[in-house]
């Protein structure tokens, strides 16, 4: 599991209506390539943690967008405190449509971690 410290998290404050729209989007689109994922199509979940625990506390239970250092936007769900994923130590779940998108997302997160470590 990688830890993630994004360049930016969008949005800090969002209306319930906008959050519901983003939630629907997260459930039906790849977090990497943004392709639509059909209802009956299997998808892959990739988990990670925030580097700073306060990021989790601010966004728990919400869908968040991250801008990576490359400028690419990715979408993830921040798990709820009482969820099985949280009990397993996960903070974020990225939904992807394929192994290829999953591998590219993981590579980008590793690169992001390396950039943060170099800073």
Protein backbone atom coordinates (compact mmCIF):
# COMPACT_ATOMS: atom_id res chain seq x y z
CA UNK A 1 0.00 0.00 0.00
CA UNK A 2 1.35 3.41 -0.97
CA UNK A 3 0.92 6.62 0.93
CA UNK A 4 -0.27 9.63 -0.98
CA UNK A 5 0.27 13.32 -0.42
CA UNK A 6 -1.47 15.00 -3.34
CA UNK A 7 -0.55 18.33 -4.85
CA UNK A 8 -4.11 19.48 -4.18
CA UNK A 9 -7.39 17.98 -3.00
CA UNK A 10 -10.57 19.26 -4.56
CA UNK A 11 -12.78 20.46 -3.11
CA UNK A 12 -12.22 21.44 0.49
CA UNK A 13 -15.92 22.40 0.84
CA UNK A 14 -18.62 21.03 -1.46
CA UNK A 15 -22.40 21.11 -1.37
CA UNK A 16 -24.24 17.85 -0.68
CA UNK A 17 -25.66 17.95 -4.20
CA UNK A 18 -22.21 18.32 -5.78
CA UNK A 19 -20.82 15.57 -3.51
CA UNK A 20 -23.67 13.22 -4.57
CA UNK A 21 -22.90 13.97 -8.23
CA UNK A 22 -19.19 13.25 -7.70
CA UNK A 23 -20.09 10.04 -5.81
CA UNK A 24 -22.21 8.84 -8.74
CA UNK A 25 -19.36 9.67 -11.10
CA UNK A 26 -16.82 7.78 -8.93
CA UNK A 27 -18.99 4.67 -8.91
CA UNK A 28 -19.40 4.66 -12.70
CA UNK A 29 -16.05 5.87 -14.08
CA UNK A 30 -12.44 4.75 -14.01
CA UNK A 31 -10.42 6.84 -11.55
CA UNK A 32 -7.48 6.86 -13.95
CA UNK A 33 -8.69 7.07 -17.57
CA UNK A 34 -12.18 8.36 -16.68
CA UNK A 35 -13.84 5.88 -19.03
CA UNK A 36 -17.38 4.92 -18.07
CA UNK A 37 -17.65 1.54 -16.33
CA UNK A 38 -20.92 -0.26 -16.94
CA UNK A 39 -23.05 -1.42 -14.00
CA UNK A 40 -22.41 -5.11 -14.62
CA UNK A 41 -18.75 -4.69 -15.56
CA UNK A 42 -16.21 -5.76 -12.95
CA UNK A 43 -13.77 -3.11 -11.81
CA UNK A 44 -10.62 -3.09 -9.70
CA UNK A 45 -10.15 -1.23 -6.44
CA UNK A 46 -6.72 0.16 -5.53
CA UNK A 47 -6.20 1.32 -1.98
CA UNK A 48 -3.74 3.74 -0.45
CA UNK A 49 -3.27 5.94 2.58
CA UNK A 50 -2.86 9.64 3.07
CA UNK A 51 0.57 10.65 4.33
CA UNK A 52 -0.99 13.15 6.69
CA UNK A 53 -3.75 11.70 8.92
CA UNK A 54 -5.47 15.10 9.00
CA UNK A 55 -6.23 14.69 5.27
CA UNK A 56 -8.21 11.55 6.14
CA UNK A 57 -10.09 13.28 8.95
CA UNK A 58 -11.06 16.18 6.64
CA UNK A 59 -12.33 13.97 3.81
CA UNK A 60 -13.59 10.75 5.43
CA UNK A 61 -16.66 9.38 3.67
CA UNK A 62 -16.32 11.73 0.69
CA UNK A 63 -15.26 11.42 -2.92
CA UNK A 64 -12.19 13.54 -3.62
CA UNK A 65 -10.25 14.56 -6.69
CA UNK A 66 -6.48 14.81 -6.59
CA UNK A 67 -4.24 16.80 -8.88
CA UNK A 68 -0.99 14.91 -9.25
CA UNK A 69 2.30 16.73 -9.86
CA UNK A 70 1.93 15.85 -13.56
CA UNK A 71 -1.32 17.82 -13.69
CA UNK A 72 -3.45 14.71 -14.09
CA UNK A 73 -6.66 14.59 -12.06
CA UNK A 74 -7.64 11.31 -10.38
CA UNK A 75 -10.75 10.46 -8.37
CA UNK A 76 -10.92 8.34 -5.20
CA UNK A 77 -13.34 7.54 -2.42
CA UNK A 78 -12.19 8.30 1.11
CA UNK A 79 -13.47 5.42 3.23
CA UNK A 80 -15.83 5.90 6.17
CA UNK A 81 -14.40 5.44 9.69
CA UNK A 82 -16.59 2.42 10.45
CA UNK A 83 -16.00 0.61 7.14
CA UNK A 84 -14.22 -2.74 6.71
CA UNK A 85 -11.69 -0.98 4.46
CA UNK A 86 -10.80 1.45 7.25
CA UNK A 87 -10.42 -1.40 9.73
CA UNK A 88 -7.91 -2.89 7.26
CA UNK A 89 -5.91 0.36 7.38
CA UNK A 90 -7.06 1.88 4.07
CA UNK A 91 -7.91 5.56 3.63
CA UNK A 92 -8.66 5.82 -0.10
CA UNK A 93 -10.07 3.55 -2.77
CA UNK A 94 -9.49 4.26 -6.46
CA UNK A 95 -11.82 2.41 -8.85
CA UNK A 96 -10.19 1.49 -12.16
CA UNK A 97 -11.52 -0.26 -15.25
CA UNK A 98 -8.58 -2.52 -16.09
CA UNK A 99 -5.26 -3.94 -14.99
CA UNK A 100 -3.55 -1.48 -17.34
CA UNK A 101 -5.22 1.53 -15.69
CA UNK A 102 -4.45 0.05 -12.27
CA UNK A 103 -0.78 -0.39 -13.13
CA UNK A 104 -0.55 3.15 -14.52
CA UNK A 105 -2.25 4.58 -11.43
CA UNK A 106 0.08 2.70 -9.08
CA UNK A 107 3.11 3.86 -11.10
CA UNK A 108 1.89 7.47 -10.92
CA UNK A 109 1.36 7.20 -7.16
CA UNK A 110 4.88 5.80 -6.73
CA UNK A 111 6.25 8.67 -8.79
CA UNK A 112 4.23 11.11 -6.67
CA UNK A 113 5.68 9.56 -3.49
CA UNK A 114 9.20 9.80 -4.91
CA UNK A 115 8.69 13.47 -5.81
CA UNK A 116 7.42 14.17 -2.29
CA UNK A 117 10.40 12.34 -0.77
CA UNK A 118 12.84 14.37 -2.88
CA UNK A 119 11.28 17.67 -1.81
